[in-house]
N, C-alpha and C. Protein backbone atom coordinates (compact mmCIF):
# COMPACT_ATOMS: atom_id res chain seq x y z
N MET A 1 -4.74 82.61 -110.90
CA MET A 1 -3.65 81.53 -110.18
C MET A 1 -3.87 80.58 -110.86
N VAL A 2 -2.89 79.95 -110.76
CA VAL A 2 -2.45 78.48 -111.11
C VAL A 2 -2.47 77.29 -109.97
N ASN A 3 -3.26 76.68 -110.02
CA ASN A 3 -3.22 75.76 -108.87
C ASN A 3 -3.52 74.21 -108.61
N HIS A 4 -3.73 73.74 -110.34
CA HIS A 4 -3.94 72.68 -110.58
C HIS A 4 -2.54 71.84 -111.03
N PRO A 5 -2.55 70.85 -110.10
CA PRO A 5 -1.14 70.00 -109.93
C PRO A 5 -0.74 69.62 -111.48
N ALA A 6 -1.43 69.19 -112.22
CA ALA A 6 -1.02 68.75 -113.50
C ALA A 6 -0.39 69.95 -114.44
N LEU A 7 -1.12 71.05 -114.34
CA LEU A 7 -0.54 71.90 -114.99
C LEU A 7 0.59 72.42 -114.02
N CYS A 8 0.61 72.63 -112.95
CA CYS A 8 1.91 72.97 -111.91
C CYS A 8 3.11 71.96 -112.61
N ASP A 9 2.83 70.89 -112.29
CA ASP A 9 3.91 70.08 -112.82
C ASP A 9 4.71 69.88 -114.60
N THR A 10 3.52 70.00 -115.32
CA THR A 10 3.91 70.47 -116.57
C THR A 10 4.64 71.59 -116.63
N SER A 11 4.51 72.67 -115.86
CA SER A 11 5.31 74.01 -115.93
C SER A 11 6.40 73.82 -115.36
N LYS A 12 6.36 72.91 -114.14
CA LYS A 12 7.87 72.72 -113.72
C LYS A 12 8.76 72.20 -114.69
N LEU A 13 8.38 71.28 -115.59
CA LEU A 13 9.01 70.49 -116.64
C LEU A 13 9.50 71.71 -117.57
N VAL A 14 8.68 72.11 -118.17
CA VAL A 14 8.97 73.12 -119.17
C VAL A 14 10.01 74.07 -118.64
N GLY A 15 9.66 74.68 -117.42
CA GLY A 15 10.96 75.78 -116.92
C GLY A 15 11.54 74.77 -116.74
N ARG A 16 12.28 73.76 -116.49
CA ARG A 16 13.61 73.12 -116.02
C ARG A 16 14.12 72.66 -117.48
N VAL A 17 13.21 72.55 -118.68
CA VAL A 17 13.92 72.46 -119.93
C VAL A 17 14.43 73.61 -120.54
N LEU A 18 13.80 74.70 -120.31
CA LEU A 18 14.14 75.98 -120.64
C LEU A 18 15.54 76.49 -120.17
N MET A 19 15.48 76.39 -118.43
CA MET A 19 16.37 77.04 -117.84
C MET A 19 17.89 75.70 -117.83
N SER A 20 17.72 74.55 -118.27
CA SER A 20 18.76 73.89 -118.12
C SER A 20 19.37 74.05 -119.65
N LEU A 21 18.68 74.07 -120.88
CA LEU A 21 19.05 74.10 -122.26
C LEU A 21 20.41 75.03 -122.22
N LEU A 22 20.36 76.28 -121.50
CA LEU A 22 21.36 77.42 -121.47
C LEU A 22 22.72 76.82 -120.99
N PHE A 23 22.87 76.03 -120.04
CA PHE A 23 23.82 75.61 -119.25
C PHE A 23 24.34 74.28 -120.20
N ILE A 24 23.40 73.48 -120.23
CA ILE A 24 24.15 72.15 -121.38
C ILE A 24 24.94 72.82 -122.66
N PHE A 25 24.04 73.90 -123.32
CA PHE A 25 24.86 74.15 -124.52
C PHE A 25 26.20 74.72 -124.30
N ALA A 26 26.27 75.72 -123.16
CA ALA A 26 27.12 76.52 -122.65
C ALA A 26 28.44 75.66 -122.55
N GLY A 27 28.10 74.52 -121.57
CA GLY A 27 29.24 73.75 -121.24
C GLY A 27 29.83 73.02 -122.06
N TRP A 28 28.52 72.32 -123.19
CA TRP A 28 29.30 71.70 -124.40
C TRP A 28 30.25 72.98 -125.39
N ASN A 29 29.74 73.98 -125.30
CA ASN A 29 30.37 74.88 -126.38
C ASN A 29 31.85 75.34 -125.63
N LYS A 30 31.66 75.12 -124.44
CA LYS A 30 33.50 75.88 -123.76
C LYS A 30 34.12 74.18 -123.95
N ILE A 31 33.80 72.87 -124.02
CA ILE A 31 34.50 72.06 -124.42
C ILE A 31 35.05 72.24 -126.05
N GLY A 32 34.40 72.63 -126.98
CA GLY A 32 34.49 73.03 -128.39
C GLY A 32 35.64 73.77 -128.34
N GLY A 33 35.42 75.15 -127.55
CA GLY A 33 36.32 76.10 -127.73
C GLY A 33 37.10 76.31 -126.46
N TYR A 34 37.86 75.12 -125.92
CA TYR A 34 38.34 75.12 -124.60
C TYR A 34 39.32 76.21 -124.55
N LYS A 35 40.07 76.52 -125.75
CA LYS A 35 41.48 77.19 -125.52
C LYS A 35 41.08 78.71 -125.56
N MET A 36 39.82 79.06 -126.80
CA MET A 36 39.20 80.40 -126.84
C MET A 36 38.57 80.88 -125.34
N THR A 37 37.74 79.89 -124.59
CA THR A 37 37.54 79.89 -123.25
C THR A 37 37.99 80.50 -122.15
N GLU A 38 39.34 79.67 -122.22
CA GLU A 38 40.48 79.30 -120.97
C GLU A 38 40.92 80.99 -121.12
N ALA A 39 41.59 81.63 -122.62
CA ALA A 39 41.93 82.73 -122.71
C ALA A 39 40.85 83.91 -122.50
N PHE A 40 39.64 83.73 -122.46
CA PHE A 40 38.90 84.62 -121.91
C PHE A 40 38.70 84.52 -120.48
N MET A 41 38.76 83.52 -119.77
CA MET A 41 38.47 83.52 -118.69
C MET A 41 39.95 84.09 -117.74
N VAL A 42 41.24 83.89 -118.71
CA VAL A 42 42.42 84.39 -117.95
C VAL A 42 42.10 86.19 -118.06
N SER A 43 41.69 86.43 -119.14
CA SER A 43 41.86 87.73 -119.40
C SER A 43 40.74 88.64 -118.21
N MET A 44 39.57 87.76 -118.00
CA MET A 44 39.12 88.46 -116.84
C MET A 44 39.48 88.42 -115.61
N GLY A 45 40.81 88.03 -115.44
CA GLY A 45 41.36 87.61 -114.25
C GLY A 45 41.10 86.44 -113.40
N LEU A 46 40.47 85.52 -113.82
CA LEU A 46 40.09 84.11 -113.48
C LEU A 46 41.16 83.31 -113.71
N PRO A 47 41.52 82.39 -112.54
CA PRO A 47 42.40 81.41 -113.36
C PRO A 47 42.08 80.01 -114.27
N ALA A 48 42.89 79.85 -115.20
CA ALA A 48 42.40 78.45 -115.90
C ALA A 48 41.93 77.68 -115.42
N LEU A 49 42.34 77.32 -114.06
CA LEU A 49 42.35 75.93 -113.67
C LEU A 49 40.80 75.79 -113.11
N LEU A 50 40.21 76.99 -113.19
CA LEU A 50 38.64 76.98 -112.87
C LEU A 50 37.39 76.44 -114.04
N LEU A 51 38.23 76.43 -115.51
CA LEU A 51 37.27 75.76 -116.60
C LEU A 51 36.80 74.80 -116.58
N PRO A 52 37.59 73.56 -116.51
CA PRO A 52 36.91 72.18 -115.90
C PRO A 52 35.65 72.45 -114.91
N LEU A 53 36.05 72.91 -113.98
CA LEU A 53 34.95 73.19 -112.79
C LEU A 53 33.70 73.66 -113.76
N VAL A 54 33.95 74.72 -114.27
CA VAL A 54 32.77 75.33 -114.81
C VAL A 54 32.15 74.59 -115.63
N ILE A 55 32.85 73.58 -116.66
CA ILE A 55 32.27 72.60 -118.01
C ILE A 55 31.17 71.77 -116.84
N VAL A 56 31.93 71.06 -115.94
CA VAL A 56 31.47 69.77 -115.34
C VAL A 56 30.08 70.83 -114.33
N VAL A 57 29.92 71.90 -113.87
CA VAL A 57 29.09 72.65 -113.30
C VAL A 57 27.95 72.63 -114.34
N GLU A 58 28.22 73.29 -115.69
CA GLU A 58 27.18 73.76 -116.69
C GLU A 58 26.55 72.68 -117.03
N LEU A 59 27.54 71.48 -117.71
CA LEU A 59 27.22 70.15 -118.17
C LEU A 59 26.15 69.50 -117.32
N ILE A 60 26.66 68.65 -115.95
CA ILE A 60 26.29 68.12 -115.07
C ILE A 60 25.02 68.87 -114.40
N GLY A 61 24.89 70.09 -113.96
CA GLY A 61 24.19 70.68 -113.43
C GLY A 61 22.78 70.96 -114.44
N GLY A 62 23.18 71.32 -115.57
CA GLY A 62 22.00 71.23 -116.50
C GLY A 62 21.51 70.27 -116.85
N LEU A 63 22.45 68.94 -117.15
CA LEU A 63 21.53 67.76 -117.24
C LEU A 63 20.65 67.34 -116.11
N ALA A 64 21.16 67.40 -114.81
CA ALA A 64 20.60 67.27 -113.73
C ALA A 64 19.23 67.95 -113.77
N VAL A 65 18.92 69.30 -113.98
CA VAL A 65 17.82 70.18 -113.84
C VAL A 65 16.97 69.76 -115.03
N LEU A 66 17.51 69.20 -116.12
CA LEU A 66 16.72 68.57 -117.14
C LEU A 66 15.65 67.54 -117.17
N LEU A 67 16.47 66.66 -116.39
CA LEU A 67 15.87 65.11 -116.02
C LEU A 67 15.14 65.11 -114.80
N GLY A 68 15.66 66.45 -114.13
CA GLY A 68 14.60 66.27 -112.64
C GLY A 68 15.47 65.58 -111.73
N PHE A 69 16.89 65.28 -111.61
CA PHE A 69 17.44 64.27 -110.85
C PHE A 69 18.27 65.38 -109.99
N PHE A 70 18.33 64.88 -108.79
CA PHE A 70 18.90 65.85 -107.56
C PHE A 70 18.71 67.41 -108.03
N THR A 71 17.39 67.29 -108.15
CA THR A 71 17.00 68.64 -108.58
C THR A 71 17.36 69.99 -107.73
N ARG A 72 17.12 69.63 -106.32
CA ARG A 72 17.37 70.72 -105.48
C ARG A 72 18.62 71.11 -105.36
N CYS A 73 19.58 70.13 -105.09
CA CYS A 73 20.85 70.40 -105.06
C CYS A 73 21.70 71.17 -106.49
N ALA A 74 21.35 70.55 -107.51
CA ALA A 74 21.78 71.03 -108.71
C ALA A 74 20.87 72.50 -109.08
N ALA A 75 20.09 72.78 -108.32
CA ALA A 75 19.38 73.98 -108.39
C ALA A 75 20.23 75.17 -107.71
N LEU A 76 20.43 74.74 -106.43
CA LEU A 76 21.56 75.53 -105.48
C LEU A 76 22.58 75.94 -106.19
N ILE A 77 23.39 74.88 -106.57
CA ILE A 77 24.54 74.82 -107.19
C ILE A 77 24.41 75.77 -108.49
N LEU A 78 23.52 75.63 -109.20
CA LEU A 78 23.46 76.72 -110.41
C LEU A 78 22.87 78.04 -110.05
N PHE A 79 22.42 78.10 -108.65
CA PHE A 79 22.01 79.57 -108.38
C PHE A 79 23.34 80.27 -108.05
N LEU A 80 24.23 79.49 -107.03
CA LEU A 80 25.33 80.24 -106.77
C LEU A 80 26.14 80.40 -107.95
N PHE A 81 26.53 79.44 -109.03
CA PHE A 81 27.10 79.94 -110.35
C PHE A 81 26.74 80.86 -110.70
N CYS A 82 25.41 81.07 -110.92
CA CYS A 82 24.90 82.18 -111.62
C CYS A 82 25.50 83.46 -111.12
N LEU A 83 25.46 83.58 -109.62
CA LEU A 83 25.57 84.59 -108.85
C LEU A 83 26.96 85.12 -108.97
N ALA A 84 28.01 83.93 -108.71
CA ALA A 84 29.42 84.01 -109.03
C ALA A 84 29.82 84.63 -110.17
N SER A 85 29.26 83.75 -111.50
CA SER A 85 29.66 84.29 -112.99
C SER A 85 28.91 85.97 -112.90
N ALA A 86 27.94 86.28 -112.71
CA ALA A 86 27.37 87.57 -112.72
C ALA A 86 28.05 88.39 -111.89
N TRP A 87 28.88 88.26 -110.82
CA TRP A 87 29.69 89.39 -110.26
C TRP A 87 31.07 89.09 -110.77
N MET A 88 31.57 88.04 -110.98
CA MET A 88 33.06 87.76 -111.45
C MET A 88 33.17 88.11 -112.91
N VAL A 89 32.07 87.90 -113.42
CA VAL A 89 32.38 88.22 -115.28
C VAL A 89 31.52 89.54 -115.60
N HIS A 90 30.51 89.53 -115.40
CA HIS A 90 29.72 90.58 -116.10
C HIS A 90 29.46 91.98 -115.32
N LEU A 91 29.93 92.21 -113.91
CA LEU A 91 29.54 93.27 -113.14
C LEU A 91 30.49 94.39 -113.65
N VAL A 92 30.23 95.08 -114.83
CA VAL A 92 31.02 96.02 -115.40
C VAL A 92 30.24 97.32 -115.58
N PRO A 93 30.26 97.88 -114.58
CA PRO A 93 28.92 98.98 -114.19
C PRO A 93 29.10 100.01 -115.91
N GLY A 94 30.08 100.29 -116.38
CA GLY A 94 30.40 101.08 -117.54
C GLY A 94 29.92 100.56 -118.84
N ASP A 95 29.44 99.30 -118.63
CA ASP A 95 29.26 98.74 -120.17
C ASP A 95 27.95 98.13 -120.27
N PRO A 96 26.71 98.77 -120.62
CA PRO A 96 25.46 98.29 -120.41
C PRO A 96 25.10 97.05 -121.03
N ASN A 97 26.20 96.45 -122.14
CA ASN A 97 25.93 94.62 -122.55
C ASN A 97 26.16 94.07 -121.35
N GLU A 98 27.22 94.44 -120.62
CA GLU A 98 27.62 93.49 -119.55
C GLU A 98 26.67 93.56 -118.47
N MET A 99 26.23 94.81 -118.04
CA MET A 99 25.31 95.00 -117.11
C MET A 99 23.76 94.24 -117.72
N THR A 100 23.48 94.02 -118.63
CA THR A 100 22.41 93.24 -119.13
C THR A 100 22.60 91.83 -118.82
N SER A 101 23.73 91.35 -118.98
CA SER A 101 24.04 89.92 -118.82
C SER A 101 24.20 89.82 -117.23
N PHE A 102 24.34 90.92 -116.51
CA PHE A 102 24.99 90.85 -115.05
C PHE A 102 23.34 90.64 -114.70
N MET A 103 22.36 91.49 -115.37
CA MET A 103 20.84 90.96 -114.72
C MET A 103 20.46 89.90 -114.93
N LYS A 104 20.63 89.36 -116.22
CA LYS A 104 19.92 88.29 -116.75
C LYS A 104 20.62 87.17 -115.92
N ASN A 105 22.08 87.23 -115.34
CA ASN A 105 22.62 86.06 -114.44
C ASN A 105 21.58 85.89 -113.18
N ILE A 106 21.90 87.04 -112.79
CA ILE A 106 20.83 87.30 -111.41
C ILE A 106 19.29 86.86 -111.16
N THR A 107 19.02 87.13 -112.45
CA THR A 107 17.57 86.50 -112.84
C THR A 107 17.42 85.18 -112.40
N ILE A 108 18.38 84.64 -113.50
CA ILE A 108 18.45 83.08 -113.85
C ILE A 108 18.67 82.30 -112.36
N ALA A 109 19.49 83.03 -111.42
CA ALA A 109 19.88 82.85 -110.11
C ALA A 109 18.40 82.79 -109.23
N GLY A 110 17.57 83.57 -109.62
CA GLY A 110 16.15 83.72 -108.78
C GLY A 110 15.49 82.42 -109.16
N GLY A 111 15.70 82.32 -110.60
CA GLY A 111 14.78 80.98 -111.13
C GLY A 111 15.22 79.68 -110.40
N PHE A 112 16.80 79.61 -110.31
CA PHE A 112 16.84 78.50 -109.45
C PHE A 112 16.57 78.32 -108.50
N LEU A 113 17.08 79.71 -107.55
CA LEU A 113 16.18 79.34 -105.91
C LEU A 113 15.08 78.91 -106.00
N ILE A 114 14.17 79.33 -106.67
CA ILE A 114 12.51 78.84 -106.98
C ILE A 114 12.41 77.32 -107.02
N LEU A 115 13.43 76.70 -108.13
CA LEU A 115 13.06 75.54 -108.46
C LEU A 115 13.92 74.75 -107.06
N ALA A 116 15.00 75.14 -106.55
CA ALA A 116 15.37 74.46 -105.31
C ALA A 116 14.37 74.42 -104.21
N CYS A 117 13.72 75.23 -103.95
CA CYS A 117 12.49 75.28 -103.07
C CYS A 117 11.30 74.53 -103.36
N ALA A 118 11.12 74.55 -104.69
CA ALA A 118 9.58 73.92 -105.30
C ALA A 118 10.13 72.27 -105.69
N GLY A 119 11.05 72.10 -105.96
CA GLY A 119 11.54 70.73 -106.40
C GLY A 119 11.14 70.39 -107.84
N ALA A 120 11.24 69.65 -108.41
CA ALA A 120 11.41 69.33 -109.81
C ALA A 120 9.58 68.79 -110.37
N GLY A 121 9.14 68.60 -109.28
CA GLY A 121 7.55 68.01 -109.63
C GLY A 121 7.51 66.39 -110.29
N ARG A 122 6.39 66.14 -110.64
CA ARG A 122 5.91 64.96 -110.86
C ARG A 122 6.94 64.46 -111.94
N PHE A 123 7.23 65.16 -113.28
CA PHE A 123 7.48 64.65 -114.25
C PHE A 123 9.17 64.61 -114.18
N SER A 124 9.35 64.04 -113.50
CA SER A 124 11.06 64.04 -113.02
C SER A 124 11.62 62.76 -112.64
N LEU A 125 13.07 62.64 -112.64
CA LEU A 125 13.80 61.29 -112.09
C LEU A 125 13.70 61.64 -110.33
N ASP A 126 13.71 62.83 -109.72
CA ASP A 126 13.14 62.77 -108.39
C ASP A 126 11.93 61.90 -108.15
N HIS A 127 11.06 62.28 -108.43
CA HIS A 127 9.81 61.83 -108.28
C HIS A 127 9.76 60.28 -108.70
N TRP A 128 9.96 59.76 -109.54
CA TRP A 128 10.24 58.52 -109.84
C TRP A 128 10.92 57.60 -108.95
N VAL A 129 11.95 58.23 -108.35
CA VAL A 129 13.07 57.62 -107.35
C VAL A 129 12.29 57.58 -106.11
N ARG A 130 11.80 58.60 -105.74
CA ARG A 130 10.69 58.74 -104.31
C ARG A 130 9.66 57.72 -104.49
N LYS A 131 9.03 57.56 -105.49
CA LYS A 131 7.87 56.79 -105.50
C LYS A 131 8.69 55.04 -105.20
N LYS A 132 9.57 54.79 -105.58
CA LYS A 132 9.76 53.30 -105.48
C LYS A 132 10.32 52.79 -104.00
């Protein structure tokens, strides 16, 4: 069992970095490939008007988790986002690749739920702001 405060805070930092990068890069790539992403969303039966919201959630949420700023709120939003995208985009029972993506989204959602409960740790803007 790991119960050393410095190791736990370092682990939270590393976990936040690893979890956030996926969303920061995904949001950024959606900006660069806006029309292609929009067409994909429409082909999945989703309204194109959701794309700006998706980009904001991925970029701002990812950056908030990375920096440890409003971490619990950002983690809850990304938890819900992961569940929604798993259900709306990747739940295709006949397609093993989509079902793997579905399970990955559910797993990432679990990580965000844990982060929402545990908080960002000492190496975060949340901690720095709380100390002032």
